PDB file of N, CA and C in Angstrom:
ATOM      1  N   MET A   1     -18.774  -9.769  27.866  1.00  0.00           N
ATOM      2  CA  MET A   1     -17.583 -10.877  27.303  1.00  0.00           C
ATOM      3  C   MET A   1     -16.887 -10.958  28.454  1.00  0.00           C
ATOM      4  N   LYS A   2     -16.481 -12.604  28.467  1.00  0.00           N
ATOM      5  CA  LYS A   2     -15.662 -12.659  29.340  1.00  0.00           C
ATOM      6  C   LYS A   2     -14.290 -13.326  28.727  1.00  0.00           C
ATOM      7  N   ALA A   3     -13.056 -13.095  29.495  1.00  0.00           N
ATOM      8  CA  ALA A   3     -11.968 -13.304  28.968  1.00  0.00           C
ATOM      9  C   ALA A   3     -10.923 -14.495  30.159  1.00  0.00           C
ATOM     10  N   LYS A   4     -10.356 -15.793  29.638  1.00  0.00           N
ATOM     11  CA  LYS A   4      -9.905 -16.392  31.105  1.00  0.00           C
ATOM     12  C   LYS A   4      -8.543 -16.273  29.988  1.00  0.00           C
ATOM     13  N   VAL A   5      -7.809 -16.044  30.943  1.00  0.00           N
ATOM     14  CA  VAL A   5      -6.355 -16.077  30.599  1.00  0.00           C
ATOM     15  C   VAL A   5      -5.699 -16.847  31.333  1.00  0.00           C
ATOM     16  N   PHE A   6      -4.862 -17.787  30.953  1.00  0.00           N
ATOM     17  CA  PHE A   6      -3.844 -18.748  31.086  1.00  0.00           C
ATOM     18  C   PHE A   6      -2.586 -18.478  31.012  1.00  0.00           C
ATOM     19  N   VAL A   7      -1.445 -18.384  32.445  1.00  0.00           N
ATOM     20  CA  VAL A   7      -0.251 -17.819  32.170  1.00  0.00           C
ATOM     21  C   VAL A   7       0.841 -19.522  32.887  1.00  0.00           C
ATOM     22  N   THR A   8       1.687 -19.422  31.905  1.00  0.00           N
ATOM     23  CA  THR A   8       2.655 -20.235  32.386  1.00  0.00           C
ATOM     24  C   THR A   8       3.824 -20.251  32.011  1.00  0.00           C
ATOM     25  N   LEU A   9       4.866 -20.714  32.903  1.00  0.00           N
ATOM     26  CA  LEU A   9       6.374 -20.419  32.413  1.00  0.00           C
ATOM     27  C   LEU A   9       6.491 -21.183  31.077  1.00  0.00           C
ATOM     28  N   LYS A  10       7.310 -20.198  30.549  1.00  0.00           N
ATOM     29  CA  LYS A  10       8.055 -20.837  29.413  1.00  0.00           C
ATOM     30  C   LYS A  10       8.670 -22.208  29.228  1.00  0.00           C
ATOM     31  N   ASN A  11       8.544 -23.151  28.223  1.00  0.00           N
ATOM     32  CA  ASN A  11       9.450 -24.225  28.215  1.00  0.00           C
ATOM     33  C   ASN A  11      11.346 -23.705  28.752  1.00  0.00           C
ATOM     34  N   GLY A  12      11.828 -24.287  29.638  1.00  0.00           N
ATOM     35  CA  GLY A  12      13.148 -23.878  29.703  1.00  0.00           C
ATOM     36  C   GLY A  12      13.389 -23.410  30.981  1.00  0.00           C
ATOM     37  N   VAL A  13      12.345 -22.873  31.655  1.00  0.00           N
ATOM     38  CA  VAL A  13      12.088 -22.048  32.617  1.00  0.00           C
ATOM     39  C   VAL A  13      12.222 -22.632  33.961  1.00  0.00           C
ATOM     40  N   PHE A  14      13.262 -22.599  34.715  1.00  0.00           N
ATOM     41  CA  PHE A  14      12.941 -23.574  36.257  1.00  0.00           C
ATOM     42  C   PHE A  14      11.604 -23.335  37.085  1.00  0.00           C
ATOM     43  N   ASP A  15      11.001 -24.196  37.452  1.00  0.00           N
ATOM     44  CA  ASP A  15       9.971 -23.953  37.978  1.00  0.00           C
ATOM     45  C   ASP A  15       9.929 -24.575  39.519  1.00  0.00           C
ATOM     46  N   PRO A  16      10.890 -23.658  40.629  1.00  0.00           N
ATOM     47  CA  PRO A  16      10.569 -24.559  41.948  1.00  0.00           C
ATOM     48  C   PRO A  16       9.318 -24.872  42.424  1.00  0.00           C
ATOM     49  N   GLN A  17       8.123 -24.338  42.328  1.00  0.00           N
ATOM     50  CA  GLN A  17       6.904 -24.257  42.807  1.00  0.00           C
ATOM     51  C   GLN A  17       6.454 -25.836  41.954  1.00  0.00           C
ATOM     52  N   GLY A  18       6.309 -26.191  40.544  1.00  0.00           N
ATOM     53  CA  GLY A  18       6.097 -27.211  40.495  1.00  0.00           C
ATOM     54  C   GLY A  18       6.975 -28.707  40.827  1.00  0.00           C
ATOM     55  N   LYS A  19       8.148 -28.006  41.028  1.00  0.00           N
ATOM     56  CA  LYS A  19       9.272 -29.170  41.811  1.00  0.00           C
ATOM     57  C   LYS A  19       8.602 -29.819  43.390  1.00  0.00           C
ATOM     58  N   VAL A  20       8.265 -28.670  44.094  1.00  0.00           N
ATOM     59  CA  VAL A  20       7.887 -28.809  45.228  1.00  0.00           C
ATOM     60  C   VAL A  20       6.572 -29.614  45.297  1.00  0.00           C
ATOM     61  N   VAL A  21       5.330 -29.515  44.072  1.00  0.00           N
ATOM     62  CA  VAL A  21       4.544 -30.164  44.188  1.00  0.00           C
ATOM     63  C   VAL A  21       4.720 -31.493  43.713  1.00  0.00           C
ATOM     64  N   GLN A  22       5.912 -31.654  42.683  1.00  0.00           N
ATOM     65  CA  GLN A  22       5.982 -32.635  42.039  1.00  0.00           C
ATOM     66  C   GLN A  22       6.604 -33.833  43.307  1.00  0.00           C
ATOM     67  N   ARG A  23       7.554 -33.232  44.105  1.00  0.00           N
ATOM     68  CA  ARG A  23       8.410 -34.236  45.149  1.00  0.00           C
ATOM     69  C   ARG A  23       7.054 -34.504  46.251  1.00  0.00           C
ATOM     70  N   SER A  24       6.191 -33.034  46.511  1.00  0.00           N
ATOM     71  CA  SER A  24       5.145 -33.723  48.002  1.00  0.00           C
ATOM     72  C   SER A  24       4.149 -34.638  46.989  1.00  0.00           C
ATOM     73  N   LEU A  25       3.742 -34.756  45.784  1.00  0.00           N
ATOM     74  CA  LEU A  25       2.943 -35.815  45.394  1.00  0.00           C
ATOM     75  C   LEU A  25       3.388 -37.193  45.438  1.00  0.00           C
ATOM     76  N   ALA A  26       4.933 -37.148  45.273  1.00  0.00           N
ATOM     77  CA  ALA A  26       5.362 -38.606  45.521  1.00  0.00           C
ATOM     78  C   ALA A  26       5.624 -38.755  46.887  1.00  0.00           C
ATOM     79  N   THR A  27       5.760 -37.775  47.511  1.00  0.00           N
ATOM     80  CA  THR A  27       5.603 -38.246  49.138  1.00  0.00           C
ATOM     81  C   THR A  27       4.024 -38.814  49.214  1.00  0.00           C
ATOM     82  N   LEU A  28       3.323 -38.663  48.714  1.00  0.00           N
ATOM     83  CA  LEU A  28       1.895 -38.983  48.962  1.00  0.00           C
ATOM     84  C   LEU A  28       1.304 -40.294  48.690  1.00  0.00           C
ATOM     85  N   GLY A  29       2.494 -40.671  47.703  1.00  0.00           N
ATOM     86  CA  GLY A  29       2.181 -41.884  46.925  1.00  0.00           C
ATOM     87  C   GLY A  29       1.850 -41.557  45.440  1.00  0.00           C
ATOM     88  N   TYR A  30       2.364 -40.796  45.041  1.00  0.00           N
ATOM     89  CA  TYR A  30       1.582 -40.588  43.768  1.00  0.00           C
ATOM     90  C   TYR A  30       3.279 -40.226  42.560  1.00  0.00           C
ATOM     91  N   ALA A  31       3.656 -41.532  42.741  1.00  0.00           N
ATOM     92  CA  ALA A  31       5.222 -41.352  42.105  1.00  0.00           C
ATOM     93  C   ALA A  31       5.231 -41.128  40.771  1.00  0.00           C
ATOM     94  N   GLU A  32       3.588 -41.419  40.088  1.00  0.00           N
ATOM     95  CA  GLU A  32       3.834 -41.815  38.393  1.00  0.00           C
ATOM     96  C   GLU A  32       3.831 -39.876  38.052  1.00  0.00           C
ATOM     97  N   VAL A  33       3.743 -38.953  39.105  1.00  0.00           N
ATOM     98  CA  VAL A  33       3.663 -37.492  38.536  1.00  0.00           C
ATOM     99  C   VAL A  33       5.184 -37.530  38.454  1.00  0.00           C
ATOM    100  N   GLU A  34       5.871 -37.313  36.887  1.00  0.00           N
ATOM    101  CA  GLU A  34       7.295 -37.557  37.027  1.00  0.00           C
ATOM    102  C   GLU A  34       7.413 -35.638  36.907  1.00  0.00           C
ATOM    103  N   HIS A  35       6.463 -35.073  36.550  1.00  0.00           N
ATOM    104  CA  HIS A  35       6.965 -33.535  36.530  1.00  0.00           C
ATOM    105  C   HIS A  35       5.887 -32.430  36.838  1.00  0.00           C
ATOM    106  N   ALA A  36       5.515 -31.529  37.459  1.00  0.00           N
ATOM    107  CA  ALA A  36       4.560 -30.662  37.291  1.00  0.00           C
ATOM    108  C   ALA A  36       4.946 -28.981  37.062  1.00  0.00           C
ATOM    109  N   ARG A  37       4.441 -28.582  36.833  1.00  0.00           N
ATOM    110  CA  ARG A  37       4.203 -27.003  36.546  1.00  0.00           C
ATOM    111  C   ARG A  37       3.508 -26.058  36.799  1.00  0.00           C
ATOM    112  N   ILE A  38       3.413 -24.732  37.370  1.00  0.00           N
ATOM    113  CA  ILE A  38       2.608 -24.070  38.107  1.00  0.00           C
ATOM    114  C   ILE A  38       2.455 -23.204  37.493  1.00  0.00           C
ATOM    115  N   GLY A  39       1.098 -22.558  37.310  1.00  0.00           N
ATOM    116  CA  GLY A  39       0.556 -21.669  36.289  1.00  0.00           C
ATOM    117  C   GLY A  39      -0.777 -20.351  37.321  1.00  0.00           C
ATOM    118  N   LYS A  40      -0.941 -20.077  36.334  1.00  0.00           N
ATOM    119  CA  LYS A  40      -1.980 -18.531  36.422  1.00  0.00           C
ATOM    120  C   LYS A  40      -3.022 -18.679  36.020  1.00  0.00           C
ATOM    121  N   TYR A  41      -4.237 -18.591  36.806  1.00  0.00           N
ATOM    122  CA  TYR A  41      -5.419 -18.398  35.834  1.00  0.00           C
ATOM    123  C   TYR A  41      -6.173 -17.485  36.323  1.00  0.00           C
ATOM    124  N   ILE A  42      -6.463 -16.875  35.240  1.00  0.00           N
ATOM    125  CA  ILE A  42      -7.283 -15.034  35.276  1.00  0.00           C
ATOM    126  C   ILE A  42      -8.297 -14.958  34.930  1.00  0.00           C
ATOM    127  N   GLU A  43      -9.430 -14.707  35.237  1.00  0.00           N
ATOM    128  CA  GLU A  43     -10.696 -14.610  34.403  1.00  0.00           C
ATOM    129  C   GLU A  43     -11.227 -12.967  34.640  1.00  0.00           C
ATOM    130  N   LEU A  44     -11.698 -12.473  33.352  1.00  0.00           N
ATOM    131  CA  LEU A  44     -11.887 -10.959  33.363  1.00  0.00           C
ATOM    132  C   LEU A  44     -12.972 -10.682  32.511  1.00  0.00           C
ATOM    133  N   ASP A  45     -14.332  -9.677  33.694  1.00  0.00           N
ATOM    134  CA  ASP A  45     -15.280  -9.530  32.943  1.00  0.00           C
ATOM    135  C   ASP A  45     -15.178  -8.594  32.095  1.00  0.00           C
ATOM    136  N   LEU A  46     -15.792  -8.187  31.010  1.00  0.00           N
ATOM    137  CA  LEU A  46     -15.506  -7.290  29.883  1.00  0.00           C
ATOM    138  C   LEU A  46     -16.505  -6.666  29.861  1.00  0.00           C
ATOM    139  N   LYS A  47     -16.317  -5.633  29.749  1.00  0.00           N
ATOM    140  CA  LYS A  47     -17.995  -4.569  28.845  1.00  0.00           C
ATOM    141  C   LYS A  47     -17.483  -4.376  27.376  1.00  0.00           C
ATOM    142  N   GLU A  48     -16.632  -4.748  26.755  1.00  0.00           N
ATOM    143  CA  GLU A  48     -16.343  -4.818  25.276  1.00  0.00           C
ATOM    144  C   GLU A  48     -17.206  -6.061  24.348  1.00  0.00           C
ATOM    145  N   THR A  49     -18.059  -5.693  23.562  1.00  0.00           N
ATOM    146  CA  THR A  49     -18.899  -7.291  23.148  1.00  0.00           C
ATOM    147  C   THR A  49     -17.876  -7.387  21.640  1.00  0.00           C
ATOM    148  N   ASN A  50     -17.001  -6.685  20.929  1.00  0.00           N
ATOM    149  CA  ASN A  50     -16.403  -6.838  19.816  1.00  0.00           C
ATOM    150  C   ASN A  50     -15.370  -7.827  20.404  1.00  0.00           C
ATOM    151  N   PRO A  51     -15.313  -9.109  19.892  1.00  0.00           N
ATOM    152  CA  PRO A  51     -14.178  -9.970  19.868  1.00  0.00           C
ATOM    153  C   PRO A  51     -12.936  -9.865  19.873  1.00  0.00           C
ATOM    154  N   GLN A  52     -13.146  -9.211  18.436  1.00  0.00           N
ATOM    155  CA  GLN A  52     -11.226  -8.826  18.179  1.00  0.00           C
ATOM    156  C   GLN A  52     -11.144  -7.433  18.899  1.00  0.00           C
ATOM    157  N   GLN A  53     -11.764  -6.459  19.458  1.00  0.00           N
ATOM    158  CA  GLN A  53     -11.326  -5.572  20.098  1.00  0.00           C
ATOM    159  C   GLN A  53     -10.605  -6.177  21.455  1.00  0.00           C
ATOM    160  N   ALA A  54     -11.935  -6.964  21.991  1.00  0.00           N
ATOM    161  CA  ALA A  54     -11.530  -7.363  23.521  1.00  0.00           C
ATOM    162  C   ALA A  54     -10.050  -8.724  23.163  1.00  0.00           C
ATOM    163  N   GLU A  55      -9.913  -9.071  22.326  1.00  0.00           N
ATOM    164  CA  GLU A  55      -9.074  -9.818  22.349  1.00  0.00           C
ATOM    165  C   GLU A  55      -7.138  -8.549  22.035  1.00  0.00           C
ATOM    166  N   VAL A  56      -7.294  -8.038  21.534  1.00  0.00           N
ATOM    167  CA  VAL A  56      -6.709  -6.957  21.601  1.00  0.00           C
ATOM    168  C   VAL A  56      -6.296  -5.911  22.763  1.00  0.00           C
ATOM    169  N   ARG A  57      -7.235  -6.122  23.798  1.00  0.00           N
ATOM    170  CA  ARG A  57      -6.808  -5.097  24.829  1.00  0.00           C
ATOM    171  C   ARG A  57      -6.736  -6.076  25.937  1.00  0.00           C
ATOM    172  N   VAL A  58      -7.290  -7.410  25.904  1.00  0.00           N
ATOM    173  CA  VAL A  58      -6.518  -8.764  27.021  1.00  0.00           C
ATOM    174  C   VAL A  58      -5.283  -8.412  26.589  1.00  0.00           C
ATOM    175  N   LYS A  59      -4.569  -8.719  25.360  1.00  0.00           N
ATOM    176  CA  LYS A  59      -3.383  -8.916  25.284  1.00  0.00           C
ATOM    177  C   LYS A  59      -2.449  -7.661  25.368  1.00  0.00           C
ATOM    178  N   GLU A  60      -2.834  -6.472  25.259  1.00  0.00           N
ATOM    179  CA  GLU A  60      -2.124  -5.126  26.149  1.00  0.00           C
ATOM    180  C   GLU A  60      -1.854  -5.514  27.669  1.00  0.00           C
ATOM    181  N   MET A  61      -2.996  -5.797  28.266  1.00  0.00           N
ATOM    182  CA  MET A  61      -3.384  -6.351  29.802  1.00  0.00           C
ATOM    183  C   MET A  61      -1.847  -7.378  30.500  1.00  0.00           C
ATOM    184  N   CYS A  62      -2.320  -8.411  29.393  1.00  0.00           N
ATOM    185  CA  CYS A  62      -0.921  -9.193  29.746  1.00  0.00           C
ATOM    186  C   CYS A  62       0.160  -9.228  29.428  1.00  0.00           C
ATOM    187  N   GLN A  63       0.780  -8.588  28.712  1.00  0.00           N
ATOM    188  CA  GLN A  63       2.009  -7.908  28.079  1.00  0.00           C
ATOM    189  C   GLN A  63       2.345  -7.178  29.251  1.00  0.00           C
ATOM    190  N   LYS A  64       1.727  -5.836  29.742  1.00  0.00           N
ATOM    191  CA  LYS A  64       1.648  -5.174  30.568  1.00  0.00           C
ATOM    192  C   LYS A  64       1.352  -5.538  31.887  1.00  0.00           C
ATOM    193  N   LEU A  65       0.926  -6.264  32.165  1.00  0.00           N
ATOM    194  CA  LEU A  65       0.890  -6.355  33.826  1.00  0.00           C
ATOM    195  C   LEU A  65       0.627  -7.964  33.979  1.00  0.00           C
ATOM    196  N   LEU A  66      -0.415  -8.558  33.166  1.00  0.00           N
ATOM    197  CA  LEU A  66      -0.982 -10.019  33.914  1.00  0.00           C
ATOM    198  C   LEU A  66       0.224 -11.103  33.725  1.00  0.00           C
ATOM    199  N   ALA A  67       1.575 -10.980  32.622  1.00  0.00           N
ATOM    200  CA  ALA A  67       2.425 -12.015  32.346  1.00  0.00           C
ATOM    201  C   ALA A  67       3.994 -11.284  32.385  1.00  0.00           C
ATOM    202  N   ASN A  68       4.962 -12.082  33.037  1.00  0.00           N
ATOM    203  CA  ASN A  68       5.991 -11.479  32.568  1.00  0.00           C
ATOM    204  C   ASN A  68       6.750 -12.180  31.290  1.00  0.00           C
ATOM    205  N   THR A  69       6.332 -11.424  29.955  1.00  0.00           N
ATOM    206  CA  THR A  69       6.547 -12.080  28.855  1.00  0.00           C
ATOM    207  C   THR A  69       8.075 -12.672  28.587  1.00  0.00           C
ATOM    208  N   VAL A  70       9.125 -12.099  29.285  1.00  0.00           N
ATOM    209  CA  VAL A  70      10.050 -12.701  29.383  1.00  0.00           C
ATOM    210  C   VAL A  70      10.673 -14.058  29.706  1.00  0.00           C
ATOM    211  N   ILE A  71       9.675 -14.667  30.726  1.00  0.00           N
ATOM    212  CA  ILE A  71       9.624 -15.810  31.193  1.00  0.00           C
ATOM    213  C   ILE A  71       8.405 -16.661  31.155  1.00  0.00           C
ATOM    214  N   GLU A  72       7.320 -15.886  30.834  1.00  0.00           N
ATOM    215  CA  GLU A  72       5.925 -16.680  30.661  1.00  0.00           C
ATOM    216  C   GLU A  72       5.057 -16.416  29.462  1.00  0.00           C
ATOM    217  N   SER A  73       4.530 -17.437  28.873  1.00  0.00           N
ATOM    218  CA  SER A  73       3.836 -17.048  27.935  1.00  0.00           C
ATOM    219  C   SER A  73       2.155 -17.518  28.344  1.00  0.00           C
ATOM    220  N   TYR A  74       1.228 -16.884  27.942  1.00  0.00           N
ATOM    221  CA  TYR A  74       0.127 -16.447  27.947  1.00  0.00           C
ATOM    222  C   TYR A  74      -0.856 -17.276  26.650  1.00  0.00           C
ATOM    223  N   LYS A  75      -2.226 -17.860  27.203  1.00  0.00           N
ATOM    224  CA  LYS A  75      -3.266 -18.012  25.770  1.00  0.00           C
ATOM    225  C   LYS A  75      -4.682 -17.438  26.517  1.00  0.00           C
ATOM    226  N   ILE A  76      -5.267 -16.838  25.721  1.00  0.00           N
ATOM    227  CA  ILE A  76      -6.302 -16.029  25.539  1.00  0.00           C
ATOM    228  C   ILE A  76      -7.830 -17.156  25.379  1.00  0.00           C
ATOM    229  N   GLN A  77      -8.876 -17.017  26.171  1.00  0.00           N
ATOM    230  CA  GLN A  77     -10.216 -17.743  25.501  1.00  0.00           C
ATOM    231  C   GLN A  77     -11.111 -16.558  25.933  1.00  0.00           C
ATOM    232  N   LEU A  78     -12.005 -16.196  25.266  1.00  0.00           N
ATOM    233  CA  LEU A  78     -12.783 -15.389  24.994  1.00  0.00           C
ATOM    234  C   LEU A  78     -14.148 -16.410  24.985  1.00  0.00           C
ATOM    235  N   GLU A  79     -15.263 -15.755  25.997  1.00  0.00           N
ATOM    236  CA  GLU A  79     -16.348 -16.242  25.703  1.00  0.00           C
ATOM    237  C   GLU A  79     -17.445 -15.091  25.794  1.00  0.00           C
ATOM    238  N   SER A  80     -18.572 -15.331  25.064  1.00  0.00           N
ATOM    239  CA  SER A  80     -19.306 -14.270  24.908  1.00  0.00           C
ATOM    240  C   SER A  80     -20.564 -14.147  25.793  1.00  0.00           C
TER     241      SER A  80
END
């Protein structure tokens, strides 16, 4: 089973990397980009075959290591 984890900053958290990307794109002529946010994408190959158990375990991983839940949120997608 494969788990795809998308980690992003929560709304209201300042994103300096996103600001740099937005400004750089404007400098390159892409002025239509008003705002950019940077996140993380993590792909995990799991031995687990039970989707419910896999989701529980990946949530634990996110809360303990993969995401800083104070300032970040995460979304999990499972694929067989």
